[in-house]
């Protein structure tokens, strides 16, 4: 994957609100973009981790720190998936 360098102008007030050193700004912005892309369902956790050059587990922990849910399915959807998996396992063991 090739990298693209982009220049963005940010108001000083925004830098103050972020409360991070200016040298860490690029990493923080990249992290926020990856989190938002995941939240929108545009990238997987694996791709988010790849974007940030971290492990998938570290990305999942990052999601938790930012209160972004890893599982987006409802309880009913998860129960249906479990039931389908159990039915398939029964078929395979018969």
PDB file of N, CA and C in Angstrom:
ATOM      1  N   UNK A   1       0.847  -1.173   0.000  1.00  0.00           N
ATOM      2  CA  UNK A   1       0.000   0.000   0.000  1.00  0.00           C
ATOM      3  C   UNK A   1       0.891   1.234   0.000  1.00  0.00           C
ATOM      4  N   UNK A   2       0.635   2.135  -0.920  1.00  0.00           N
ATOM      5  CA  UNK A   2       1.428   3.362  -0.957  1.00  0.00           C
ATOM      6  C   UNK A   2       0.769   4.420  -0.085  1.00  0.00           C
ATOM      7  N   UNK A   3       1.589   5.290   0.465  1.00  0.00           N
ATOM      8  CA  UNK A   3       1.085   6.338   1.346  1.00  0.00           C
ATOM      9  C   UNK A   3       0.864   7.610   0.553  1.00  0.00           C
ATOM     10  N   UNK A   4      -0.069   8.393   1.020  1.00  0.00           N
ATOM     11  CA  UNK A   4      -0.384   9.682   0.430  1.00  0.00           C
ATOM     12  C   UNK A   4      -0.221  10.725   1.518  1.00  0.00           C
ATOM     13  N   UNK A   5       0.507  11.771   1.233  1.00  0.00           N
ATOM     14  CA  UNK A   5       0.683  12.842   2.199  1.00  0.00           C
ATOM     15  C   UNK A   5      -0.303  13.945   1.878  1.00  0.00           C
ATOM     16  N   UNK A   6      -1.043  14.362   2.898  1.00  0.00           N
ATOM     17  CA  UNK A   6      -2.058  15.396   2.732  1.00  0.00           C
ATOM     18  C   UNK A   6      -1.780  16.503   3.735  1.00  0.00           C
ATOM     19  N   UNK A   7      -1.893  17.722   3.289  1.00  0.00           N
ATOM     20  CA  UNK A   7      -1.717  18.863   4.174  1.00  0.00           C
ATOM     21  C   UNK A   7      -3.094  19.421   4.529  1.00  0.00           C
ATOM     22  N   UNK A   8      -3.320  19.604   5.826  1.00  0.00           N
ATOM     23  CA  UNK A   8      -4.609  20.110   6.299  1.00  0.00           C
ATOM     24  C   UNK A   8      -4.345  21.276   7.234  1.00  0.00           C
ATOM     25  N   UNK A   9      -5.104  22.345   7.053  1.00  0.00           N
ATOM     26  CA  UNK A   9      -4.968  23.504   7.938  1.00  0.00           C
ATOM     27  C   UNK A   9      -5.979  23.369   9.059  1.00  0.00           C
ATOM     28  N   UNK A  10      -5.503  23.470  10.283  1.00  0.00           N
ATOM     29  CA  UNK A  10      -6.368  23.364  11.451  1.00  0.00           C
ATOM     30  C   UNK A  10      -6.249  24.625  12.292  1.00  0.00           C
ATOM     31  N   UNK A  11      -7.375  25.120  12.761  1.00  0.00           N
ATOM     32  CA  UNK A  11      -7.307  26.290  13.648  1.00  0.00           C
ATOM     33  C   UNK A  11      -6.593  25.942  14.949  1.00  0.00           C
ATOM     34  N   UNK A  12      -5.879  26.891  15.505  1.00  0.00           N
ATOM     35  CA  UNK A  12      -5.172  26.667  16.771  1.00  0.00           C
ATOM     36  C   UNK A  12      -6.136  26.224  17.871  1.00  0.00           C
ATOM     37  N   UNK A  13      -7.361  26.757  17.850  1.00  0.00           N
ATOM     38  CA  UNK A  13      -8.347  26.372  18.866  1.00  0.00           C
ATOM     39  C   UNK A  13      -8.615  24.874  18.824  1.00  0.00           C
ATOM     40  N   UNK A  14      -8.630  24.301  17.628  1.00  0.00           N
ATOM     41  CA  UNK A  14      -8.858  22.867  17.500  1.00  0.00           C
ATOM     42  C   UNK A  14      -7.693  22.091  18.101  1.00  0.00           C
ATOM     43  N   UNK A  15      -6.489  22.546  17.841  1.00  0.00           N
ATOM     44  CA  UNK A  15      -5.317  21.903  18.431  1.00  0.00           C
ATOM     45  C   UNK A  15      -5.389  21.965  19.957  1.00  0.00           C
ATOM     46  N   UNK A  16      -5.846  23.102  20.473  1.00  0.00           N
ATOM     47  CA  UNK A  16      -5.993  23.231  21.922  1.00  0.00           C
ATOM     48  C   UNK A  16      -7.058  22.286  22.462  1.00  0.00           C
ATOM     49  N   UNK A  17      -8.154  22.131  21.725  1.00  0.00           N
ATOM     50  CA  UNK A  17      -9.233  21.247  22.160  1.00  0.00           C
ATOM     51  C   UNK A  17      -8.793  19.781  22.137  1.00  0.00           C
ATOM     52  N   UNK A  18      -7.950  19.425  21.176  1.00  0.00           N
ATOM     53  CA  UNK A  18      -7.454  18.048  21.102  1.00  0.00           C
ATOM     54  C   UNK A  18      -6.517  17.737  22.259  1.00  0.00           C
ATOM     55  N   UNK A  19      -5.864  18.765  22.767  1.00  0.00           N
ATOM     56  CA  UNK A  19      -4.970  18.633  23.916  1.00  0.00           C
ATOM     57  C   UNK A  19      -3.904  17.552  23.711  1.00  0.00           C
ATOM     58  N   UNK A  20      -3.270  17.595  22.542  1.00  0.00           N
ATOM     59  CA  UNK A  20      -2.153  16.690  22.269  1.00  0.00           C
ATOM     60  C   UNK A  20      -1.019  17.501  21.672  1.00  0.00           C
ATOM     61  N   UNK A  21       0.205  17.057  21.863  1.00  0.00           N
ATOM     62  CA  UNK A  21       1.338  17.767  21.251  1.00  0.00           C
ATOM     63  C   UNK A  21       1.204  17.766  19.729  1.00  0.00           C
ATOM     64  N   UNK A  22       1.603  18.843  19.120  1.00  0.00           N
ATOM     65  CA  UNK A  22       1.473  19.000  17.664  1.00  0.00           C
ATOM     66  C   UNK A  22       2.165  17.875  16.904  1.00  0.00           C
ATOM     67  N   UNK A  23       3.277  17.365  17.431  1.00  0.00           N
ATOM     68  CA  UNK A  23       3.999  16.301  16.731  1.00  0.00           C
ATOM     69  C   UNK A  23       3.224  14.986  16.724  1.00  0.00           C
ATOM     70  N   UNK A  24       2.231  14.837  17.622  1.00  0.00           N
ATOM     71  CA  UNK A  24       1.413  13.624  17.656  1.00  0.00           C
ATOM     72  C   UNK A  24       0.106  13.782  16.878  1.00  0.00           C
ATOM     73  N   UNK A  25      -0.101  14.954  16.301  1.00  0.00           N
ATOM     74  CA  UNK A  25      -1.362  15.267  15.633  1.00  0.00           C
ATOM     75  C   UNK A  25      -1.669  14.318  14.481  1.00  0.00           C
ATOM     76  N   UNK A  26      -0.696  14.049  13.625  1.00  0.00           N
ATOM     77  CA  UNK A  26      -0.941  13.192  12.463  1.00  0.00           C
ATOM     78  C   UNK A  26      -1.409  11.806  12.899  1.00  0.00           C
ATOM     79  N   UNK A  27      -0.756  11.238  13.914  1.00  0.00           N
ATOM     80  CA  UNK A  27      -1.158   9.921  14.402  1.00  0.00           C
ATOM     81  C   UNK A  27      -2.560   9.951  14.995  1.00  0.00           C
ATOM     82  N   UNK A  28      -2.884  11.005  15.738  1.00  0.00           N
ATOM     83  CA  UNK A  28      -4.207  11.123  16.357  1.00  0.00           C
ATOM     84  C   UNK A  28      -5.291  11.247  15.292  1.00  0.00           C
ATOM     85  N   UNK A  29      -5.041  12.041  14.274  1.00  0.00           N
ATOM     86  CA  UNK A  29      -6.023  12.210  13.198  1.00  0.00           C
ATOM     87  C   UNK A  29      -6.222  10.896  12.457  1.00  0.00           C
ATOM     88  N   UNK A  30      -5.145  10.196  12.164  1.00  0.00           N
ATOM     89  CA  UNK A  30      -5.249   8.901  11.487  1.00  0.00           C
ATOM     90  C   UNK A  30      -6.050   7.913  12.333  1.00  0.00           C
ATOM     91  N   UNK A  31      -5.811   7.911  13.630  1.00  0.00           N
ATOM     92  CA  UNK A  31      -6.548   7.035  14.542  1.00  0.00           C
ATOM     93  C   UNK A  31      -8.046   7.359  14.506  1.00  0.00           C
ATOM     94  N   UNK A  32      -8.378   8.641  14.568  1.00  0.00           N
ATOM     95  CA  UNK A  32      -9.782   9.049  14.553  1.00  0.00           C
ATOM     96  C   UNK A  32     -10.463   8.700  13.228  1.00  0.00           C
ATOM     97  N   UNK A  33      -9.741   8.839  12.135  1.00  0.00           N
ATOM     98  CA  UNK A  33     -10.296   8.474  10.833  1.00  0.00           C
ATOM     99  C   UNK A  33     -10.562   6.975  10.770  1.00  0.00           C
ATOM    100  N   UNK A  34      -9.612   6.166  11.222  1.00  0.00           N
ATOM    101  CA  UNK A  34      -9.784   4.711  11.208  1.00  0.00           C
ATOM    102  C   UNK A  34     -10.971   4.306  12.082  1.00  0.00           C
ATOM    103  N   UNK A  35     -11.104   4.915  13.250  1.00  0.00           N
ATOM    104  CA  UNK A  35     -12.233   4.619  14.132  1.00  0.00           C
ATOM    105  C   UNK A  35     -13.558   4.979  13.476  1.00  0.00           C
ATOM    106  N   UNK A  36     -13.620   6.121  12.840  1.00  0.00           N
ATOM    107  CA  UNK A  36     -14.860   6.554  12.199  1.00  0.00           C
ATOM    108  C   UNK A  36     -15.203   5.676  11.002  1.00  0.00           C
ATOM    109  N   UNK A  37     -14.212   5.288  10.225  1.00  0.00           N
ATOM    110  CA  UNK A  37     -14.469   4.389   9.097  1.00  0.00           C
ATOM    111  C   UNK A  37     -15.008   3.048   9.587  1.00  0.00           C
ATOM    112  N   UNK A  38     -14.476   2.542  10.689  1.00  0.00           N
ATOM    113  CA  UNK A  38     -14.984   1.303  11.266  1.00  0.00           C
ATOM    114  C   UNK A  38     -16.408   1.503  11.757  1.00  0.00           C
ATOM    115  N   UNK A  39     -16.650   2.602  12.465  1.00  0.00           N
ATOM    116  CA  UNK A  39     -17.977   2.880  13.008  1.00  0.00           C
ATOM    117  C   UNK A  39     -19.025   2.944  11.899  1.00  0.00           C
ATOM    118  N   UNK A  40     -18.646   3.474  10.751  1.00  0.00           N
ATOM    119  CA  UNK A  40     -19.554   3.577   9.610  1.00  0.00           C
ATOM    120  C   UNK A  40     -19.683   2.263   8.845  1.00  0.00           C
ATOM    121  N   UNK A  41     -18.883   1.268   9.218  1.00  0.00           N
ATOM    122  CA  UNK A  41     -18.930  -0.016   8.526  1.00  0.00           C
ATOM    123  C   UNK A  41     -18.190  -0.013   7.200  1.00  0.00           C
ATOM    124  N   UNK A  42     -17.318   0.950   7.007  1.00  0.00           N
ATOM    125  CA  UNK A  42     -16.591   1.062   5.738  1.00  0.00           C
ATOM    126  C   UNK A  42     -15.287   0.288   5.732  1.00  0.00           C
ATOM    127  N   UNK A  43     -14.762  -0.039   6.933  1.00  0.00           N
ATOM    128  CA  UNK A  43     -13.582  -0.894   7.039  1.00  0.00           C
ATOM    129  C   UNK A  43     -13.809  -1.896   8.168  1.00  0.00           C
ATOM    130  N   UNK A  44     -13.154  -3.033   8.070  1.00  0.00           N
ATOM    131  CA  UNK A  44     -13.209  -4.053   9.116  1.00  0.00           C
ATOM    132  C   UNK A  44     -12.221  -3.707  10.223  1.00  0.00           C
ATOM    133  N   UNK A  45     -12.312  -4.443  11.315  1.00  0.00           N
ATOM    134  CA  UNK A  45     -11.345  -4.247  12.402  1.00  0.00           C
ATOM    135  C   UNK A  45      -9.934  -4.575  11.914  1.00  0.00           C
ATOM    136  N   UNK A  46      -9.828  -5.606  11.091  1.00  0.00           N
ATOM    137  CA  UNK A  46      -8.519  -5.965  10.546  1.00  0.00           C
ATOM    138  C   UNK A  46      -7.930  -4.856   9.693  1.00  0.00           C
ATOM    139  N   UNK A  47      -8.769  -4.244   8.854  1.00  0.00           N
ATOM    140  CA  UNK A  47      -8.302  -3.149   7.990  1.00  0.00           C
ATOM    141  C   UNK A  47      -7.979  -1.917   8.839  1.00  0.00           C
ATOM    142  N   UNK A  48      -8.784  -1.652   9.857  1.00  0.00           N
ATOM    143  CA  UNK A  48      -8.490  -0.527  10.755  1.00  0.00           C
ATOM    144  C   UNK A  48      -7.147  -0.709  11.428  1.00  0.00           C
ATOM    145  N   UNK A  49      -6.890  -1.936  11.870  1.00  0.00           N
ATOM    146  CA  UNK A  49      -5.600  -2.237  12.491  1.00  0.00           C
ATOM    147  C   UNK A  49      -4.466  -2.044  11.495  1.00  0.00           C
ATOM    148  N   UNK A  50      -4.682  -2.497  10.269  1.00  0.00           N
ATOM    149  CA  UNK A  50      -3.659  -2.347   9.223  1.00  0.00           C
ATOM    150  C   UNK A  50      -3.373  -0.877   8.942  1.00  0.00           C
ATOM    151  N   UNK A  51      -4.418  -0.065   8.872  1.00  0.00           N
ATOM    152  CA  UNK A  51      -4.248   1.373   8.633  1.00  0.00           C
ATOM    153  C   UNK A  51      -3.351   1.993   9.700  1.00  0.00           C
ATOM    154  N   UNK A  52      -3.546   1.553  10.946  1.00  0.00           N
ATOM    155  CA  UNK A  52      -2.792   2.122  12.067  1.00  0.00           C
ATOM    156  C   UNK A  52      -1.505   1.376  12.373  1.00  0.00           C
ATOM    157  N   UNK A  53      -1.244   0.309  11.622  1.00  0.00           N
ATOM    158  CA  UNK A  53      -0.043  -0.512  11.826  1.00  0.00           C
ATOM    159  C   UNK A  53       0.019  -1.056  13.253  1.00  0.00           C
ATOM    160  N   UNK A  54      -1.139  -1.574  13.712  1.00  0.00           N
ATOM    161  CA  UNK A  54      -1.220  -2.203  15.023  1.00  0.00           C
ATOM    162  C   UNK A  54      -1.901  -3.559  14.858  1.00  0.00           C
ATOM    163  N   UNK A  55      -1.901  -4.362  15.908  1.00  0.00           N
ATOM    164  CA  UNK A  55      -2.565  -5.661  15.832  1.00  0.00           C
ATOM    165  C   UNK A  55      -4.077  -5.469  15.881  1.00  0.00           C
ATOM    166  N   UNK A  56      -4.793  -6.489  15.411  1.00  0.00           N
ATOM    167  CA  UNK A  56      -6.257  -6.422  15.453  1.00  0.00           C
ATOM    168  C   UNK A  56      -6.726  -6.304  16.905  1.00  0.00           C
ATOM    169  N   UNK A  57      -6.083  -7.036  17.807  1.00  0.00           N
ATOM    170  CA  UNK A  57      -6.441  -6.959  19.221  1.00  0.00           C
ATOM    171  C   UNK A  57      -6.273  -5.541  19.750  1.00  0.00           C
ATOM    172  N   UNK A  58      -5.167  -4.873  19.386  1.00  0.00           N
ATOM    173  CA  UNK A  58      -4.948  -3.497  19.823  1.00  0.00           C
ATOM    174  C   UNK A  58      -6.017  -2.567  19.251  1.00  0.00           C
ATOM    175  N   UNK A  59      -6.445  -2.840  18.009  1.00  0.00           N
ATOM    176  CA  UNK A  59      -7.499  -2.021  17.409  1.00  0.00           C
ATOM    177  C   UNK A  59      -8.814  -2.212  18.166  1.00  0.00           C
ATOM    178  N   UNK A  60      -9.131  -3.451  18.536  1.00  0.00           N
ATOM    179  CA  UNK A  60     -10.358  -3.723  19.291  1.00  0.00           C
ATOM    180  C   UNK A  60     -10.306  -3.007  20.644  1.00  0.00           C
ATOM    181  N   UNK A  61      -9.145  -2.991  21.273  1.00  0.00           N
ATOM    182  CA  UNK A  61      -8.995  -2.256  22.541  1.00  0.00           C
ATOM    183  C   UNK A  61      -9.163  -0.754  22.322  1.00  0.00           C
ATOM    184  N   UNK A  62      -8.664  -0.254  21.196  1.00  0.00           N
ATOM    185  CA  UNK A  62      -8.834   1.157  20.852  1.00  0.00           C
ATOM    186  C   UNK A  62     -10.318   1.477  20.676  1.00  0.00           C
ATOM    187  N   UNK A  63     -11.050   0.577  20.018  1.00  0.00           N
ATOM    188  CA  UNK A  63     -12.496   0.756  19.876  1.00  0.00           C
ATOM    189  C   UNK A  63     -13.146   0.892  21.246  1.00  0.00           C
ATOM    190  N   UNK A  64     -12.770   0.020  22.158  1.00  0.00           N
ATOM    191  CA  UNK A  64     -13.350   0.041  23.505  1.00  0.00           C
ATOM    192  C   UNK A  64     -13.034   1.357  24.217  1.00  0.00           C
ATOM    193  N   UNK A  65     -11.785   1.817  24.089  1.00  0.00           N
ATOM    194  CA  UNK A  65     -11.409   3.085  24.750  1.00  0.00           C
ATOM    195  C   UNK A  65     -12.231   4.255  24.222  1.00  0.00           C
ATOM    196  N   UNK A  66     -12.629   4.176  22.957  1.00  0.00           N
ATOM    197  CA  UNK A  66     -13.414   5.257  22.344  1.00  0.00           C
ATOM    198  C   UNK A  66     -14.907   4.941  22.339  1.00  0.00           C
ATOM    199  N   UNK A  67     -15.282   3.887  23.037  1.00  0.00           N
ATOM    200  CA  UNK A  67     -16.678   3.469  23.173  1.00  0.00           C
ATOM    201  C   UNK A  67     -17.356   3.237  21.819  1.00  0.00           C
ATOM    202  N   UNK A  68     -16.599   2.635  20.905  1.00  0.00           N
ATOM    203  CA  UNK A  68     -17.135   2.229  19.605  1.00  0.00           C
ATOM    204  C   UNK A  68     -17.358   0.723  19.687  1.00  0.00           C
ATOM    205  N   UNK A  69     -18.608   0.268  19.542  1.00  0.00           N
ATOM    206  CA  UNK A  69     -18.863  -1.168  19.683  1.00  0.00           C
ATOM    207  C   UNK A  69     -18.201  -1.991  18.585  1.00  0.00           C
ATOM    208  N   UNK A  70     -17.617  -3.116  18.992  1.00  0.00           N
ATOM    209  CA  UNK A  70     -17.005  -4.043  18.036  1.00  0.00           C
ATOM    210  C   UNK A  70     -18.080  -4.869  17.356  1.00  0.00           C
ATOM    211  N   UNK A  71     -19.030  -5.353  18.147  1.00  0.00           N
ATOM    212  CA  UNK A  71     -20.145  -6.110  17.593  1.00  0.00           C
ATOM    213  C   UNK A  71     -21.285  -5.146  17.296  1.00  0.00           C
ATOM    214  N   UNK A  72     -21.756  -5.160  16.071  1.00  0.00           N
ATOM    215  CA  UNK A  72     -22.828  -4.254  15.690  1.00  0.00           C
ATOM    216  C   UNK A  72     -24.160  -4.980  15.536  1.00  0.00           C
ATOM    217  N   UNK A  73     -24.128  -6.308  15.675  1.00  0.00           N
ATOM    218  CA  UNK A  73     -25.352  -7.084  15.545  1.00  0.00           C
ATOM    219  C   UNK A  73     -26.186  -6.950  16.815  1.00  0.00           C
ATOM    220  N   UNK A  74     -27.513  -7.073  16.636  1.00  0.00           N
ATOM    221  CA  UNK A  74     -28.395  -7.068  17.797  1.00  0.00           C
ATOM    222  C   UNK A  74     -28.305  -8.427  18.492  1.00  0.00           C
ATOM    223  N   UNK A  75     -28.860  -8.503  19.681  1.00  0.00           N
ATOM    224  CA  UNK A  75     -28.881  -9.765  20.417  1.00  0.00           C
ATOM    225  C   UNK A  75     -29.617 -10.821  19.600  1.00  0.00           C
ATOM    226  N   UNK A  76     -30.730 -10.434  18.993  1.00  0.00           N
ATOM    227  CA  UNK A  76     -31.511 -11.382  18.189  1.00  0.00           C
ATOM    228  C   UNK A  76     -30.695 -11.898  17.001  1.00  0.00           C
ATOM    229  N   UNK A  77     -29.933 -11.010  16.362  1.00  0.00           N
ATOM    230  CA  UNK A  77     -29.102 -11.428  15.229  1.00  0.00           C
ATOM    231  C   UNK A  77     -28.005 -12.387  15.681  1.00  0.00           C
ATOM    232  N   UNK A  78     -27.389 -12.096  16.823  1.00  0.00           N
ATOM    233  CA  UNK A  78     -26.352 -12.986  17.352  1.00  0.00           C
ATOM    234  C   UNK A  78     -26.940 -14.343  17.737  1.00  0.00           C
ATOM    235  N   UNK A  79     -28.121 -14.341  18.346  1.00  0.00           N
ATOM    236  CA  UNK A  79     -28.772 -15.597  18.698  1.00  0.00           C
ATOM    237  C   UNK A  79     -29.090 -16.420  17.458  1.00  0.00           C
ATOM    238  N   UNK A  80     -29.528 -15.766  16.386  1.00  0.00           N
ATOM    239  CA  UNK A  80     -29.827 -16.460  15.137  1.00  0.00           C
ATOM    240  C   UNK A  80     -28.558 -17.070  14.543  1.00  0.00           C
ATOM    241  N   UNK A  81     -27.453 -16.344  14.620  1.00  0.00           N
ATOM    242  CA  UNK A  81     -26.166 -16.857  14.120  1.00  0.00           C
ATOM    243  C   UNK A  81     -25.725 -18.081  14.918  1.00  0.00           C
ATOM    244  N   UNK A  82     -25.896 -18.014  16.229  1.00  0.00           N
ATOM    245  CA  UNK A  82     -25.520 -19.149  17.095  1.00  0.00           C
ATOM    246  C   UNK A  82     -26.384 -20.356  16.783  1.00  0.00           C
ATOM    247  N   UNK A  83     -27.686 -20.133  16.625  1.00  0.00           N
ATOM    248  CA  UNK A  83     -28.600 -21.236  16.309  1.00  0.00           C
ATOM    249  C   UNK A  83     -28.235 -21.865  14.966  1.00  0.00           C
ATOM    250  N   UNK A  84     -27.919 -21.059  13.990  1.00  0.00           N
ATOM    251  CA  UNK A  84     -27.536 -21.573  12.671  1.00  0.00           C
ATOM    252  C   UNK A  84     -26.246 -22.377  12.768  1.00  0.00           C
ATOM    253  N   UNK A  85     -25.284 -21.897  13.545  1.00  0.00           N
ATOM    254  CA  UNK A  85     -24.020 -22.612  13.711  1.00  0.00           C
ATOM    255  C   UNK A  85     -24.246 -23.941  14.428  1.00  0.00           C
ATOM    256  N   UNK A  86     -25.102 -23.941  15.447  1.00  0.00           N
ATOM    257  CA  UNK A  86     -25.407 -25.181  16.163  1.00  0.00           C
ATOM    258  C   UNK A  86     -26.097 -26.195  15.256  1.00  0.00           C
ATOM    259  N   UNK A  87     -27.023 -25.727  14.429  1.00  0.00           N
ATOM    260  CA  UNK A  87     -27.717 -26.618  13.499  1.00  0.00           C
ATOM    261  C   UNK A  87     -26.737 -27.216  12.498  1.00  0.00           C
ATOM    262  N   UNK A  88     -25.820 -26.404  12.022  1.00  0.00           N
ATOM    263  CA  UNK A  88     -24.814 -26.907  11.084  1.00  0.00           C
ATOM    264  C   UNK A  88     -23.914 -27.937  11.750  1.00  0.00           C
ATOM    265  N   UNK A  89     -23.532 -27.686  12.992  1.00  0.00           N
ATOM    266  CA  UNK A  89     -22.704 -28.643  13.726  1.00  0.00           C
ATOM    267  C   UNK A  89     -23.432 -29.966  13.914  1.00  0.00           C
ATOM    268  N   UNK A  90     -24.723 -29.907  14.182  1.00  0.00           N
ATOM    269  CA  UNK A  90     -25.522 -31.143  14.332  1.00  0.00           C
ATOM    270  C   UNK A  90     -25.534 -31.918  13.024  1.00  0.00           C
ATOM    271  N   UNK A  91     -25.693 -31.230  11.911  1.00  0.00           N
ATOM    272  CA  UNK A  91     -25.710 -31.883  10.599  1.00  0.00           C
ATOM    273  C   UNK A  91     -24.373 -32.542  10.311  1.00  0.00           C
ATOM    274  N   UNK A  92     -23.305 -31.886  10.688  1.00  0.00           N
ATOM    275  CA  UNK A  92     -21.963 -32.416  10.407  1.00  0.00           C
ATOM    276  C   UNK A  92     -21.615 -33.622  11.270  1.00  0.00           C
ATOM    277  N   UNK A  93     -22.209 -33.703  12.462  1.00  0.00           N
ATOM    278  CA  UNK A  93     -21.893 -34.809  13.367  1.00  0.00           C
ATOM    279  C   UNK A  93     -22.858 -35.995  13.223  1.00  0.00           C
ATOM    280  N   UNK A  94     -23.875 -35.887  12.394  1.00  0.00           N
ATOM    281  CA  UNK A  94     -24.831 -36.989  12.200  1.00  0.00           C
ATOM    282  C   UNK A  94     -24.259 -38.039  11.273  1.00  0.00           C
TER     283      UNK A  94
END
